[in-house]
């Protein structure tokens, strides 16, 4: 059954954004891949349909137009490009839409190491976005899920994702959306202030991948009566 909601992935031509698009399109969500250049978004759609087939509902648009059409907007952009993206799409966002922030402030975006993070003045990127865009429901999620794992659609993902938000209803929506991806669990991480933990954890997992020579290291939270929580 095809969902009636629309998910716009801003930066959807990048590795992580494209991986999320693959997973949600396969799960019969309506997805728009956004890019700064529409032709790049359309090329990503063509690539996606080459992988999955032509029967799926996916569209490629420029970022601002993509954001204007969506109930759920997903930010998958490098930290050093975040402010320009927020400036370009902020006025197009629907009132009270859910904005899923997947941004990690890796030091590599400004010439540092990918195993280190920059600390935004609000404590986390997600908290900062919530103050810049007070009329949307910001949710932090998918930060610790590797792009390689997302794009390997033949394999289940061996990881949970920590979902943080100050809006409980939006958090529940994103937890359920996470579970559209086989083997992922969305873990209630509390308020948006806790999103900094996922950002630090992402840098830590990159280090694990480097040290062990793998690409898909993830996390699992144990001892939860999970079905009773969500």
N, C-alpha and C. Protein backbone atom coordinates (compact mmCIF):
# COMPACT_ATOMS: atom_id res chain seq x y z
N UNK A 1 0.84 -1.20 0.00
CA UNK A 1 0.00 0.00 0.00
C UNK A 1 0.88 1.25 0.00
N UNK A 2 0.58 2.17 -0.90
CA UNK A 2 1.37 3.39 -1.01
C UNK A 2 0.89 4.42 0.00
N UNK A 3 1.83 5.05 0.70
CA UNK A 3 1.49 6.08 1.68
C UNK A 3 0.99 7.32 0.96
N UNK A 4 0.14 8.13 1.67
CA UNK A 4 -0.36 9.37 1.07
C UNK A 4 0.45 10.58 1.51
N UNK A 5 1.45 10.40 2.38
CA UNK A 5 2.28 11.53 2.79
C UNK A 5 3.44 11.68 1.79
N UNK A 6 4.06 12.85 1.81
CA UNK A 6 5.17 13.12 0.90
C UNK A 6 6.41 13.43 1.73
N UNK A 7 7.50 12.76 1.41
CA UNK A 7 8.78 12.96 2.09
C UNK A 7 9.75 13.59 1.10
N UNK A 8 10.24 14.78 1.42
CA UNK A 8 11.27 15.43 0.59
C UNK A 8 12.61 15.27 1.26
N UNK A 9 13.57 14.74 0.53
CA UNK A 9 14.92 14.55 1.05
C UNK A 9 15.81 15.63 0.46
N UNK A 10 16.14 16.62 1.28
CA UNK A 10 16.97 17.73 0.84
C UNK A 10 18.43 17.28 0.90
N UNK A 11 19.11 17.39 -0.23
CA UNK A 11 20.43 16.79 -0.33
C UNK A 11 20.33 15.31 -0.68
N UNK A 12 19.26 14.94 -1.34
CA UNK A 12 18.99 13.54 -1.62
C UNK A 12 19.87 12.90 -2.67
N UNK A 13 20.74 13.71 -3.31
CA UNK A 13 21.69 13.13 -4.26
C UNK A 13 22.97 12.67 -3.58
N UNK A 14 23.16 13.04 -2.32
CA UNK A 14 24.32 12.57 -1.56
C UNK A 14 24.14 11.14 -1.11
N UNK A 15 25.21 10.56 -0.57
CA UNK A 15 25.19 9.13 -0.23
C UNK A 15 24.11 8.77 0.78
N UNK A 16 24.02 9.51 1.88
CA UNK A 16 23.05 9.15 2.91
C UNK A 16 21.63 9.48 2.46
N UNK A 17 21.44 10.64 1.84
CA UNK A 17 20.11 11.00 1.36
C UNK A 17 19.60 10.01 0.33
N UNK A 18 20.47 9.61 -0.59
CA UNK A 18 20.07 8.64 -1.61
C UNK A 18 19.76 7.29 -0.98
N UNK A 19 20.53 6.91 0.05
CA UNK A 19 20.24 5.65 0.74
C UNK A 19 18.89 5.65 1.41
N UNK A 20 18.54 6.76 2.08
CA UNK A 20 17.22 6.87 2.69
C UNK A 20 16.13 6.84 1.63
N UNK A 21 16.36 7.53 0.51
CA UNK A 21 15.38 7.50 -0.58
C UNK A 21 15.15 6.08 -1.07
N UNK A 22 16.22 5.34 -1.29
CA UNK A 22 16.08 3.94 -1.72
C UNK A 22 15.20 3.14 -0.76
N UNK A 23 15.50 3.27 0.52
CA UNK A 23 14.80 2.46 1.52
C UNK A 23 13.32 2.84 1.61
N UNK A 24 13.01 4.14 1.60
CA UNK A 24 11.62 4.56 1.74
C UNK A 24 10.82 4.37 0.47
N UNK A 25 11.43 4.56 -0.67
CA UNK A 25 10.72 4.28 -1.92
C UNK A 25 10.38 2.80 -2.00
N UNK A 26 11.32 1.96 -1.63
CA UNK A 26 11.06 0.53 -1.62
C UNK A 26 9.93 0.16 -0.67
N UNK A 27 9.78 0.95 0.42
CA UNK A 27 8.71 0.72 1.40
C UNK A 27 7.40 1.39 0.99
N UNK A 28 7.33 1.90 -0.25
CA UNK A 28 6.11 2.49 -0.83
C UNK A 28 5.76 3.84 -0.22
N UNK A 29 6.75 4.60 0.21
CA UNK A 29 6.54 5.99 0.57
C UNK A 29 6.67 6.86 -0.68
N UNK A 30 5.96 8.00 -0.68
CA UNK A 30 6.09 8.98 -1.76
C UNK A 30 7.29 9.87 -1.46
N UNK A 31 8.30 9.80 -2.28
CA UNK A 31 9.56 10.49 -2.01
C UNK A 31 9.89 11.48 -3.11
N UNK A 32 10.35 12.67 -2.70
CA UNK A 32 10.93 13.64 -3.63
C UNK A 32 12.41 13.77 -3.28
N UNK A 33 13.26 13.55 -4.26
CA UNK A 33 14.69 13.77 -4.08
C UNK A 33 14.99 15.23 -4.44
N UNK A 34 15.55 15.96 -3.49
CA UNK A 34 15.88 17.36 -3.71
C UNK A 34 17.36 17.57 -3.94
N UNK A 35 17.67 18.58 -4.73
CA UNK A 35 19.06 18.96 -4.98
C UNK A 35 19.09 20.45 -5.29
N UNK A 36 20.26 21.06 -5.16
CA UNK A 36 20.39 22.46 -5.55
C UNK A 36 20.16 22.64 -7.04
N UNK A 37 20.47 21.59 -7.79
CA UNK A 37 20.28 21.62 -9.25
C UNK A 37 19.27 20.53 -9.62
N UNK A 38 18.17 20.94 -10.25
CA UNK A 38 17.10 20.00 -10.54
C UNK A 38 17.59 18.81 -11.38
N UNK A 39 18.47 19.08 -12.34
CA UNK A 39 18.95 18.00 -13.22
C UNK A 39 19.67 16.91 -12.42
N UNK A 40 20.37 17.30 -11.37
CA UNK A 40 21.03 16.30 -10.52
C UNK A 40 20.00 15.46 -9.77
N UNK A 41 18.93 16.09 -9.32
CA UNK A 41 17.86 15.35 -8.65
C UNK A 41 17.20 14.36 -9.61
N UNK A 42 16.97 14.80 -10.84
CA UNK A 42 16.35 13.92 -11.83
C UNK A 42 17.27 12.76 -12.19
N UNK A 43 18.58 13.02 -12.22
CA UNK A 43 19.54 11.94 -12.48
C UNK A 43 19.53 10.92 -11.35
N UNK A 44 19.37 11.40 -10.10
CA UNK A 44 19.28 10.48 -8.96
C UNK A 44 18.04 9.62 -9.04
N UNK A 45 16.93 10.20 -9.49
CA UNK A 45 15.69 9.42 -9.67
C UNK A 45 15.90 8.32 -10.71
N UNK A 46 16.54 8.68 -11.80
CA UNK A 46 16.82 7.69 -12.84
C UNK A 46 17.68 6.56 -12.29
N UNK A 47 18.69 6.92 -11.52
CA UNK A 47 19.55 5.90 -10.90
C UNK A 47 18.76 5.02 -9.95
N UNK A 48 17.89 5.63 -9.14
CA UNK A 48 17.08 4.87 -8.19
C UNK A 48 16.18 3.87 -8.92
N UNK A 49 15.56 4.32 -10.00
CA UNK A 49 14.65 3.43 -10.74
C UNK A 49 15.42 2.33 -11.47
N UNK A 50 16.67 2.59 -11.80
CA UNK A 50 17.50 1.53 -12.36
C UNK A 50 17.73 0.42 -11.34
N UNK A 51 17.84 0.83 -10.08
CA UNK A 51 18.06 -0.14 -9.00
C UNK A 51 16.78 -0.86 -8.61
N UNK A 52 15.68 -0.10 -8.44
CA UNK A 52 14.46 -0.66 -7.89
C UNK A 52 13.41 -1.03 -8.94
N UNK A 53 13.41 -0.33 -10.06
CA UNK A 53 12.38 -0.53 -11.07
C UNK A 53 11.54 0.73 -11.26
N UNK A 54 10.78 0.77 -12.34
CA UNK A 54 10.02 1.96 -12.70
C UNK A 54 8.68 2.10 -11.99
N UNK A 55 8.30 1.11 -11.21
CA UNK A 55 6.94 1.10 -10.65
C UNK A 55 6.79 1.95 -9.39
N UNK A 56 7.86 2.56 -8.93
CA UNK A 56 7.81 3.29 -7.66
C UNK A 56 7.56 4.77 -7.87
N UNK A 57 6.98 5.42 -6.84
CA UNK A 57 6.60 6.83 -6.91
C UNK A 57 7.71 7.70 -6.32
N UNK A 58 8.50 8.30 -7.19
CA UNK A 58 9.61 9.15 -6.74
C UNK A 58 9.81 10.24 -7.79
N UNK A 59 10.19 11.43 -7.33
CA UNK A 59 10.33 12.59 -8.20
C UNK A 59 11.61 13.33 -7.83
N UNK A 60 12.20 14.02 -8.78
CA UNK A 60 13.38 14.83 -8.52
C UNK A 60 13.11 16.30 -8.77
N UNK A 61 13.37 17.15 -7.77
CA UNK A 61 13.09 18.58 -7.88
C UNK A 61 14.22 19.39 -7.23
N UNK A 62 14.25 20.67 -7.52
CA UNK A 62 15.14 21.59 -6.82
C UNK A 62 14.72 21.65 -5.35
N UNK A 63 15.67 21.88 -4.46
CA UNK A 63 15.42 21.75 -3.02
C UNK A 63 14.21 22.54 -2.53
N UNK A 64 14.10 23.80 -2.90
CA UNK A 64 13.02 24.64 -2.38
C UNK A 64 11.66 24.13 -2.82
N UNK A 65 11.55 23.75 -4.08
CA UNK A 65 10.27 23.22 -4.57
C UNK A 65 9.94 21.89 -3.90
N UNK A 66 10.96 21.07 -3.72
CA UNK A 66 10.75 19.79 -3.04
C UNK A 66 10.21 20.01 -1.62
N UNK A 67 10.83 20.94 -0.89
CA UNK A 67 10.40 21.21 0.49
C UNK A 67 8.97 21.72 0.55
N UNK A 68 8.56 22.51 -0.42
CA UNK A 68 7.22 23.12 -0.41
C UNK A 68 6.12 22.09 -0.58
N UNK A 69 6.44 20.93 -1.13
CA UNK A 69 5.43 19.91 -1.42
C UNK A 69 5.33 18.82 -0.37
N UNK A 70 6.14 18.91 0.67
CA UNK A 70 6.29 17.76 1.58
C UNK A 70 5.63 17.97 2.94
N UNK A 71 5.15 16.87 3.51
CA UNK A 71 4.71 16.83 4.91
C UNK A 71 5.89 16.59 5.85
N UNK A 72 6.87 15.85 5.33
CA UNK A 72 8.08 15.53 6.08
C UNK A 72 9.27 15.93 5.23
N UNK A 73 10.15 16.75 5.78
CA UNK A 73 11.36 17.20 5.08
C UNK A 73 12.57 16.64 5.82
N UNK A 74 13.47 16.04 5.08
CA UNK A 74 14.65 15.39 5.66
C UNK A 74 15.90 16.13 5.19
N UNK A 75 16.70 16.61 6.13
CA UNK A 75 17.93 17.32 5.81
C UNK A 75 19.11 16.36 5.86
N UNK A 76 19.69 16.09 4.70
CA UNK A 76 20.88 15.22 4.64
C UNK A 76 21.97 15.98 3.90
N UNK A 77 22.47 17.02 4.52
CA UNK A 77 23.46 17.90 3.86
C UNK A 77 24.70 18.02 4.76
N UNK A 78 25.86 18.31 4.19
CA UNK A 78 27.05 18.53 5.00
C UNK A 78 26.87 19.75 5.90
N UNK A 79 27.51 19.73 7.05
CA UNK A 79 27.35 20.82 8.00
C UNK A 79 27.77 22.15 7.42
N UNK A 80 28.81 22.16 6.60
CA UNK A 80 29.30 23.43 6.08
C UNK A 80 28.37 24.05 5.03
N UNK A 81 27.40 23.29 4.55
CA UNK A 81 26.42 23.83 3.61
C UNK A 81 25.05 24.05 4.22
N UNK A 82 24.94 23.76 5.53
CA UNK A 82 23.62 23.76 6.17
C UNK A 82 22.95 25.13 6.17
N UNK A 83 23.69 26.18 6.48
CA UNK A 83 23.06 27.49 6.62
C UNK A 83 22.52 28.00 5.29
N UNK A 84 23.24 27.76 4.21
CA UNK A 84 22.74 28.15 2.90
C UNK A 84 21.47 27.39 2.54
N UNK A 85 21.43 26.11 2.89
CA UNK A 85 20.24 25.30 2.61
C UNK A 85 19.05 25.80 3.43
N UNK A 86 19.27 26.07 4.71
CA UNK A 86 18.17 26.56 5.55
C UNK A 86 17.64 27.89 5.02
N UNK A 87 18.54 28.73 4.56
CA UNK A 87 18.12 30.01 4.01
C UNK A 87 17.28 29.82 2.74
N UNK A 88 17.65 28.84 1.94
CA UNK A 88 16.97 28.65 0.66
C UNK A 88 15.62 27.95 0.80
N UNK A 89 15.49 27.04 1.77
CA UNK A 89 14.24 26.27 1.87
C UNK A 89 13.35 26.72 3.02
N UNK A 90 13.89 27.49 3.96
CA UNK A 90 13.14 27.82 5.18
C UNK A 90 11.78 28.44 4.91
N UNK A 91 11.69 29.38 3.99
CA UNK A 91 10.43 30.04 3.70
C UNK A 91 9.45 29.19 2.94
N UNK A 92 9.91 28.06 2.40
CA UNK A 92 9.03 27.17 1.62
C UNK A 92 8.42 26.06 2.46
N UNK A 93 8.91 25.89 3.69
CA UNK A 93 8.42 24.79 4.53
C UNK A 93 6.98 25.04 4.97
N UNK A 94 6.18 24.00 4.94
CA UNK A 94 4.81 24.10 5.40
C UNK A 94 4.76 24.32 6.92
N UNK A 95 3.78 25.10 7.34
CA UNK A 95 3.60 25.32 8.78
C UNK A 95 3.41 24.00 9.49
N UNK A 96 4.16 23.78 10.55
CA UNK A 96 4.03 22.59 11.38
C UNK A 96 4.47 21.30 10.68
N UNK A 97 5.22 21.41 9.60
CA UNK A 97 5.74 20.18 8.99
C UNK A 97 6.78 19.57 9.91
N UNK A 98 7.06 18.29 9.70
CA UNK A 98 8.11 17.61 10.45
C UNK A 98 9.41 17.73 9.66
N UNK A 99 10.45 18.22 10.32
CA UNK A 99 11.76 18.33 9.70
C UNK A 99 12.71 17.37 10.40
N UNK A 100 13.15 16.35 9.69
CA UNK A 100 14.08 15.37 10.24
C UNK A 100 15.50 15.83 9.93
N UNK A 101 16.27 16.10 10.96
CA UNK A 101 17.64 16.56 10.79
C UNK A 101 18.59 15.37 10.89
N UNK A 102 19.32 15.11 9.81
CA UNK A 102 20.29 14.03 9.77
C UNK A 102 21.72 14.59 9.76
N UNK A 103 21.84 15.91 9.88
CA UNK A 103 23.14 16.57 9.79
C UNK A 103 24.04 16.23 10.98
N UNK A 104 25.29 15.95 10.69
CA UNK A 104 26.30 15.73 11.74
C UNK A 104 27.41 16.75 11.53
N UNK A 105 27.79 17.51 12.57
CA UNK A 105 28.82 18.54 12.41
C UNK A 105 30.23 17.96 12.47
N UNK A 106 30.56 17.14 11.47
CA UNK A 106 31.88 16.52 11.44
C UNK A 106 32.95 17.57 11.15
N UNK A 107 34.08 17.45 11.83
CA UNK A 107 35.16 18.40 11.63
C UNK A 107 35.73 18.31 10.22
N UNK A 108 35.52 17.19 9.54
CA UNK A 108 36.03 17.03 8.17
C UNK A 108 35.41 18.02 7.19
N UNK A 109 34.24 18.57 7.53
CA UNK A 109 33.61 19.53 6.62
C UNK A 109 34.33 20.87 6.60
N UNK A 110 35.22 21.09 7.57
CA UNK A 110 36.01 22.33 7.56
C UNK A 110 37.51 22.00 7.58
N UNK A 111 37.85 20.80 7.10
CA UNK A 111 39.25 20.44 6.96
C UNK A 111 39.84 19.64 8.10
N UNK A 112 39.01 19.25 9.08
CA UNK A 112 39.49 18.46 10.21
C UNK A 112 39.32 16.97 9.99
N UNK A 113 39.24 16.22 11.09
CA UNK A 113 39.14 14.77 11.02
C UNK A 113 37.66 14.33 11.04
N UNK A 114 37.31 13.26 10.30
CA UNK A 114 35.93 12.77 10.31
C UNK A 114 35.54 12.09 11.62
N UNK A 115 36.53 11.84 12.47
CA UNK A 115 36.27 11.21 13.76
C UNK A 115 36.05 12.24 14.88
N UNK A 116 36.01 13.50 14.50
CA UNK A 116 35.79 14.57 15.48
C UNK A 116 34.59 15.41 15.05
N UNK A 117 33.96 16.07 16.03
CA UNK A 117 32.81 16.92 15.72
C UNK A 117 33.08 18.36 16.12
N UNK A 118 32.38 19.26 15.47
CA UNK A 118 32.33 20.66 15.85
C UNK A 118 31.16 20.81 16.82
N UNK A 119 31.30 21.61 17.83
CA UNK A 119 30.20 21.78 18.79
C UNK A 119 29.48 23.10 18.50
N UNK A 120 28.26 23.03 17.94
CA UNK A 120 27.51 24.26 17.68
C UNK A 120 27.18 24.97 18.99
N UNK A 121 26.92 26.25 18.89
CA UNK A 121 26.70 27.03 20.11
C UNK A 121 25.42 26.64 20.85
N UNK A 122 24.49 25.92 20.18
CA UNK A 122 23.29 25.45 20.85
C UNK A 122 23.46 24.05 21.45
N UNK A 123 24.63 23.46 21.27
CA UNK A 123 24.89 22.12 21.81
C UNK A 123 24.77 21.04 20.76
N UNK A 124 23.87 21.21 19.78
CA UNK A 124 23.72 20.25 18.70
C UNK A 124 23.17 20.96 17.47
N UNK A 125 23.36 20.36 16.31
CA UNK A 125 22.82 20.93 15.08
C UNK A 125 21.30 20.97 15.13
N UNK A 126 20.69 19.89 15.61
CA UNK A 126 19.22 19.83 15.62
C UNK A 126 18.61 20.91 16.51
N UNK A 127 19.21 21.15 17.65
CA UNK A 127 18.72 22.19 18.55
C UNK A 127 18.88 23.56 17.90
N UNK A 128 19.96 23.75 17.19
CA UNK A 128 20.19 25.01 16.49
C UNK A 128 19.14 25.24 15.41
N UNK A 129 18.83 24.20 14.63
CA UNK A 129 17.82 24.32 13.58
C UNK A 129 16.46 24.65 14.16
N UNK A 130 16.13 24.06 15.31
CA UNK A 130 14.84 24.31 15.95
C UNK A 130 14.69 25.78 16.34
N UNK A 131 15.78 26.43 16.69
CA UNK A 131 15.71 27.85 17.04
C UNK A 131 15.67 28.74 15.79
N UNK A 132 16.32 28.28 14.72
CA UNK A 132 16.28 29.04 13.46
C UNK A 132 14.92 28.94 12.80
N UNK A 133 14.28 27.75 12.90
CA UNK A 133 12.99 27.50 12.27
C UNK A 133 11.96 27.10 13.33
N UNK A 134 11.43 28.07 14.08
CA UNK A 134 10.55 27.75 15.21
C UNK A 134 9.18 27.23 14.81
N UNK A 135 8.79 27.34 13.55
CA UNK A 135 7.45 26.94 13.13
C UNK A 135 7.37 25.52 12.58
N UNK A 136 8.47 24.79 12.63
CA UNK A 136 8.44 23.40 12.20
C UNK A 136 8.79 22.50 13.39
N UNK A 137 8.46 21.22 13.24
CA UNK A 137 8.71 20.25 14.30
C UNK A 137 10.01 19.52 13.97
N UNK A 138 11.07 19.87 14.66
CA UNK A 138 12.39 19.32 14.35
C UNK A 138 12.59 18.00 15.11
N UNK A 139 13.03 17.00 14.38
CA UNK A 139 13.32 15.68 14.94
C UNK A 139 14.72 15.28 14.50
N UNK A 140 15.53 14.83 15.42
CA UNK A 140 16.86 14.32 15.12
C UNK A 140 16.79 12.80 14.96
N UNK A 141 17.28 12.28 13.83
CA UNK A 141 17.24 10.83 13.60
C UNK A 141 18.19 10.44 12.48
N UNK A 142 18.53 9.17 12.42
CA UNK A 142 19.31 8.55 11.34
C UNK A 142 20.76 9.03 11.27
N UNK A 143 21.21 9.76 12.26
CA UNK A 143 22.57 10.32 12.20
C UNK A 143 23.63 9.23 12.31
N UNK A 144 23.33 8.16 13.04
CA UNK A 144 24.33 7.12 13.26
C UNK A 144 24.20 5.95 12.28
N UNK A 145 23.32 6.06 11.27
CA UNK A 145 23.16 5.01 10.28
C UNK A 145 24.08 5.30 9.10
N UNK A 146 24.91 4.35 8.72
CA UNK A 146 25.89 4.61 7.66
C UNK A 146 25.22 4.63 6.29
N UNK A 147 25.75 5.47 5.41
CA UNK A 147 25.23 5.55 4.04
C UNK A 147 25.41 4.22 3.32
N UNK A 148 26.52 3.53 3.58
CA UNK A 148 26.78 2.24 2.93
C UNK A 148 25.71 1.22 3.30
N UNK A 149 25.31 1.21 4.58
CA UNK A 149 24.28 0.27 5.02
C UNK A 149 22.94 0.61 4.38
N UNK A 150 22.62 1.89 4.28
CA UNK A 150 21.36 2.30 3.67
C UNK A 150 21.28 1.89 2.21
N UNK A 151 22.39 2.03 1.50
CA UNK A 151 22.36 1.75 0.07
C UNK A 151 22.47 0.26 -0.27
N UNK A 152 22.85 -0.55 0.70
CA UNK A 152 22.91 -2.01 0.47
C UNK A 152 21.51 -2.58 0.71
N UNK A 153 20.64 -2.42 -0.28
CA UNK A 153 19.22 -2.77 -0.09
C UNK A 153 18.97 -4.27 -0.03
N UNK A 154 19.97 -5.07 -0.33
CA UNK A 154 19.80 -6.52 -0.22
C UNK A 154 20.02 -7.02 1.21
N UNK A 155 20.49 -6.13 2.08
CA UNK A 155 20.84 -6.55 3.44
C UNK A 155 20.06 -5.74 4.47
N UNK A 156 19.62 -6.38 5.56
CA UNK A 156 19.02 -5.62 6.66
C UNK A 156 20.07 -4.77 7.35
N UNK A 157 19.65 -3.69 7.96
CA UNK A 157 20.59 -2.79 8.63
C UNK A 157 20.74 -3.20 10.09
N UNK A 158 21.95 -3.44 10.51
CA UNK A 158 22.21 -3.90 11.88
C UNK A 158 22.44 -2.70 12.78
N UNK A 159 21.39 -1.92 13.01
CA UNK A 159 21.54 -0.73 13.85
C UNK A 159 20.18 -0.21 14.27
N UNK A 160 20.14 0.40 15.44
CA UNK A 160 19.01 1.23 15.85
C UNK A 160 19.32 2.68 15.49
N UNK A 161 18.32 3.53 15.53
CA UNK A 161 18.57 4.96 15.41
C UNK A 161 17.92 5.68 16.59
N UNK A 162 18.65 6.62 17.15
CA UNK A 162 18.14 7.39 18.29
C UNK A 162 17.34 8.57 17.74
N UNK A 163 16.09 8.67 18.19
CA UNK A 163 15.16 9.69 17.69
C UNK A 163 14.86 10.67 18.82
N UNK A 164 15.21 11.93 18.63
CA UNK A 164 15.03 12.95 19.66
C UNK A 164 14.16 14.10 19.13
N UNK A 165 13.27 14.59 19.96
CA UNK A 165 12.47 15.76 19.59
C UNK A 165 11.78 16.30 20.83
N UNK A 166 11.46 17.59 20.78
CA UNK A 166 10.65 18.19 21.84
C UNK A 166 9.17 18.05 21.56
N UNK A 167 8.81 17.49 20.41
CA UNK A 167 7.42 17.25 20.03
C UNK A 167 7.18 15.74 20.00
N UNK A 168 6.44 15.23 20.98
CA UNK A 168 6.27 13.78 21.11
C UNK A 168 5.54 13.16 19.93
N UNK A 169 4.54 13.86 19.38
CA UNK A 169 3.81 13.32 18.24
C UNK A 169 4.71 13.18 17.03
N UNK A 170 5.52 14.20 16.75
CA UNK A 170 6.45 14.13 15.63
C UNK A 170 7.47 13.02 15.85
N UNK A 171 7.91 12.86 17.07
CA UNK A 171 8.87 11.80 17.38
C UNK A 171 8.28 10.42 17.09
N UNK A 172 7.02 10.22 17.45
CA UNK A 172 6.38 8.93 17.17
C UNK A 172 6.27 8.67 15.67
N UNK A 173 5.96 9.71 14.90
CA UNK A 173 5.87 9.56 13.44
C UNK A 173 7.22 9.10 12.88
N UNK A 174 8.30 9.71 13.35
CA UNK A 174 9.63 9.38 12.82
C UNK A 174 10.07 8.00 13.28
N UNK A 175 9.72 7.61 14.49
CA UNK A 175 10.04 6.26 14.95
C UNK A 175 9.37 5.22 14.04
N UNK A 176 8.11 5.44 13.70
CA UNK A 176 7.41 4.53 12.80
C UNK A 176 8.02 4.56 11.40
N UNK A 177 8.43 5.75 10.96
CA UNK A 177 9.06 5.86 9.64
C UNK A 177 10.39 5.11 9.61
N UNK A 178 11.13 5.17 10.70
CA UNK A 178 12.39 4.42 10.79
C UNK A 178 12.14 2.93 10.60
N UNK A 179 11.03 2.46 11.14
CA UNK A 179 10.74 1.03 11.09
C UNK A 179 10.24 0.57 9.73
N UNK A 180 10.08 1.50 8.79
CA UNK A 180 9.82 1.11 7.40
C UNK A 180 11.07 0.52 6.77
N UNK A 181 12.22 0.75 7.39
CA UNK A 181 13.49 0.22 6.90
C UNK A 181 13.77 -1.08 7.64
N UNK A 182 13.87 -2.20 6.94
CA UNK A 182 14.01 -3.51 7.60
C UNK A 182 15.14 -3.54 8.63
N UNK A 183 14.76 -4.01 9.82
CA UNK A 183 15.69 -4.29 10.92
C UNK A 183 16.13 -3.06 11.70
N UNK A 184 15.68 -1.86 11.33
CA UNK A 184 15.98 -0.67 12.13
C UNK A 184 14.90 -0.52 13.19
N UNK A 185 15.31 -0.15 14.38
CA UNK A 185 14.36 0.29 15.41
C UNK A 185 14.62 1.76 15.70
N UNK A 186 13.54 2.52 15.83
CA UNK A 186 13.66 3.89 16.28
C UNK A 186 13.58 3.92 17.80
N UNK A 187 14.60 4.43 18.45
CA UNK A 187 14.68 4.45 19.91
C UNK A 187 14.36 5.86 20.40
N UNK A 188 13.40 5.98 21.30
CA UNK A 188 13.04 7.28 21.87
C UNK A 188 14.21 7.80 22.69
N UNK A 189 14.86 8.86 22.15
CA UNK A 189 16.03 9.42 22.82
C UNK A 189 15.74 10.62 23.68
N UNK A 190 14.44 10.91 23.88
CA UNK A 190 14.10 12.06 24.71
C UNK A 190 14.04 13.35 23.93
N UNK A 191 14.29 14.47 24.62
CA UNK A 191 14.18 15.78 24.02
C UNK A 191 15.30 16.10 23.04
N UNK A 192 15.12 17.18 22.30
CA UNK A 192 16.05 17.54 21.25
C UNK A 192 17.45 17.85 21.79
N UNK A 193 17.55 18.24 23.04
CA UNK A 193 18.87 18.52 23.62
C UNK A 193 19.77 17.29 23.60
N UNK A 194 19.16 16.09 23.57
CA UNK A 194 19.94 14.86 23.56
C UNK A 194 20.48 14.51 22.18
N UNK A 195 20.09 15.26 21.17
CA UNK A 195 20.55 14.94 19.81
C UNK A 195 22.06 15.06 19.68
N UNK A 196 22.68 15.80 20.57
CA UNK A 196 24.14 15.92 20.52
C UNK A 196 24.81 14.56 20.72
N UNK A 197 24.14 13.66 21.43
CA UNK A 197 24.72 12.34 21.69
C UNK A 197 24.86 11.57 20.38
N UNK A 198 23.84 11.64 19.53
CA UNK A 198 23.91 10.96 18.23
C UNK A 198 25.00 11.55 17.36
N UNK A 199 25.19 12.86 17.45
CA UNK A 199 26.21 13.51 16.64
C UNK A 199 27.61 13.06 17.06
N UNK A 200 27.84 12.98 18.37
CA UNK A 200 29.13 12.47 18.86
C UNK A 200 29.28 11.00 18.49
N UNK A 201 28.19 10.24 18.61
CA UNK A 201 28.23 8.81 18.35
C UNK A 201 28.57 8.51 16.90
N UNK A 202 28.10 9.37 16.00
CA UNK A 202 28.41 9.17 14.58
C UNK A 202 29.91 9.26 14.34
N UNK A 203 30.55 10.27 14.90
CA UNK A 203 32.00 10.40 14.75
C UNK A 203 32.71 9.19 15.36
N UNK A 204 32.21 8.71 16.50
CA UNK A 204 32.78 7.54 17.15
C UNK A 204 32.68 6.31 16.23
N UNK A 205 31.51 6.11 15.59
CA UNK A 205 31.31 4.96 14.72
C UNK A 205 32.19 5.04 13.47
N UNK A 206 32.43 6.26 12.98
CA UNK A 206 33.35 6.41 11.85
C UNK A 206 34.73 5.90 12.25
N UNK A 207 35.15 6.24 13.46
CA UNK A 207 36.43 5.74 13.96
C UNK A 207 36.46 4.22 14.08
N UNK A 208 35.36 3.64 14.54
CA UNK A 208 35.26 2.17 14.63
C UNK A 208 35.40 1.56 13.24
N UNK A 209 34.69 2.12 12.26
CA UNK A 209 34.79 1.62 10.89
C UNK A 209 36.23 1.65 10.39
N UNK A 210 36.92 2.75 10.66
CA UNK A 210 38.31 2.89 10.21
C UNK A 210 39.21 1.85 10.89
N UNK A 211 39.07 1.72 12.20
CA UNK A 211 39.97 0.83 12.95
C UNK A 211 39.74 -0.64 12.61
N UNK A 212 38.49 -1.02 12.32
CA UNK A 212 38.18 -2.42 12.05
C UNK A 212 38.07 -2.73 10.56
N UNK A 213 38.25 -1.72 9.71
CA UNK A 213 38.22 -1.96 8.29
C UNK A 213 36.85 -2.36 7.76
N UNK A 214 35.79 -1.79 8.36
CA UNK A 214 34.43 -2.06 7.91
C UNK A 214 33.77 -0.74 7.51
N UNK A 215 32.52 -0.82 7.04
CA UNK A 215 31.84 0.39 6.59
C UNK A 215 30.45 0.57 7.19
N UNK A 216 29.96 -0.41 7.95
CA UNK A 216 28.56 -0.39 8.36
C UNK A 216 28.37 -0.54 9.87
N UNK A 217 29.35 -0.17 10.66
CA UNK A 217 29.21 -0.32 12.11
C UNK A 217 27.99 0.45 12.60
N UNK A 218 27.23 -0.17 13.51
CA UNK A 218 26.03 0.47 14.05
C UNK A 218 25.92 0.22 15.53
N UNK A 219 24.76 0.56 16.09
CA UNK A 219 24.53 0.38 17.53
C UNK A 219 23.21 -0.36 17.75
N UNK A 220 23.14 -1.07 18.88
CA UNK A 220 21.89 -1.67 19.33
C UNK A 220 21.68 -1.32 20.79
N UNK A 221 20.46 -0.93 21.14
CA UNK A 221 20.09 -0.69 22.54
C UNK A 221 19.39 -1.95 23.05
N UNK A 222 19.93 -2.55 24.10
CA UNK A 222 19.42 -3.83 24.58
C UNK A 222 18.47 -3.65 25.77
N UNK A 223 17.78 -4.75 26.09
CA UNK A 223 16.94 -4.86 27.28
C UNK A 223 15.71 -3.94 27.25
N UNK A 224 15.18 -3.68 26.06
CA UNK A 224 13.98 -2.85 25.97
C UNK A 224 12.76 -3.71 25.70
N UNK A 225 11.67 -3.41 26.39
CA UNK A 225 10.38 -3.96 26.03
C UNK A 225 9.85 -3.09 24.90
N UNK A 226 10.41 -3.30 23.72
CA UNK A 226 10.27 -2.31 22.66
C UNK A 226 8.84 -2.12 22.20
N UNK A 227 8.11 -3.19 21.96
CA UNK A 227 6.77 -3.06 21.42
C UNK A 227 5.83 -2.31 22.36
N UNK A 228 6.11 -2.36 23.64
CA UNK A 228 5.27 -1.63 24.61
C UNK A 228 5.58 -0.14 24.63
N UNK A 229 6.74 0.27 24.13
CA UNK A 229 7.12 1.67 24.17
C UNK A 229 6.51 2.46 23.02
N UNK A 230 6.37 1.83 21.85
CA UNK A 230 5.90 2.57 20.68
C UNK A 230 4.54 2.07 20.24
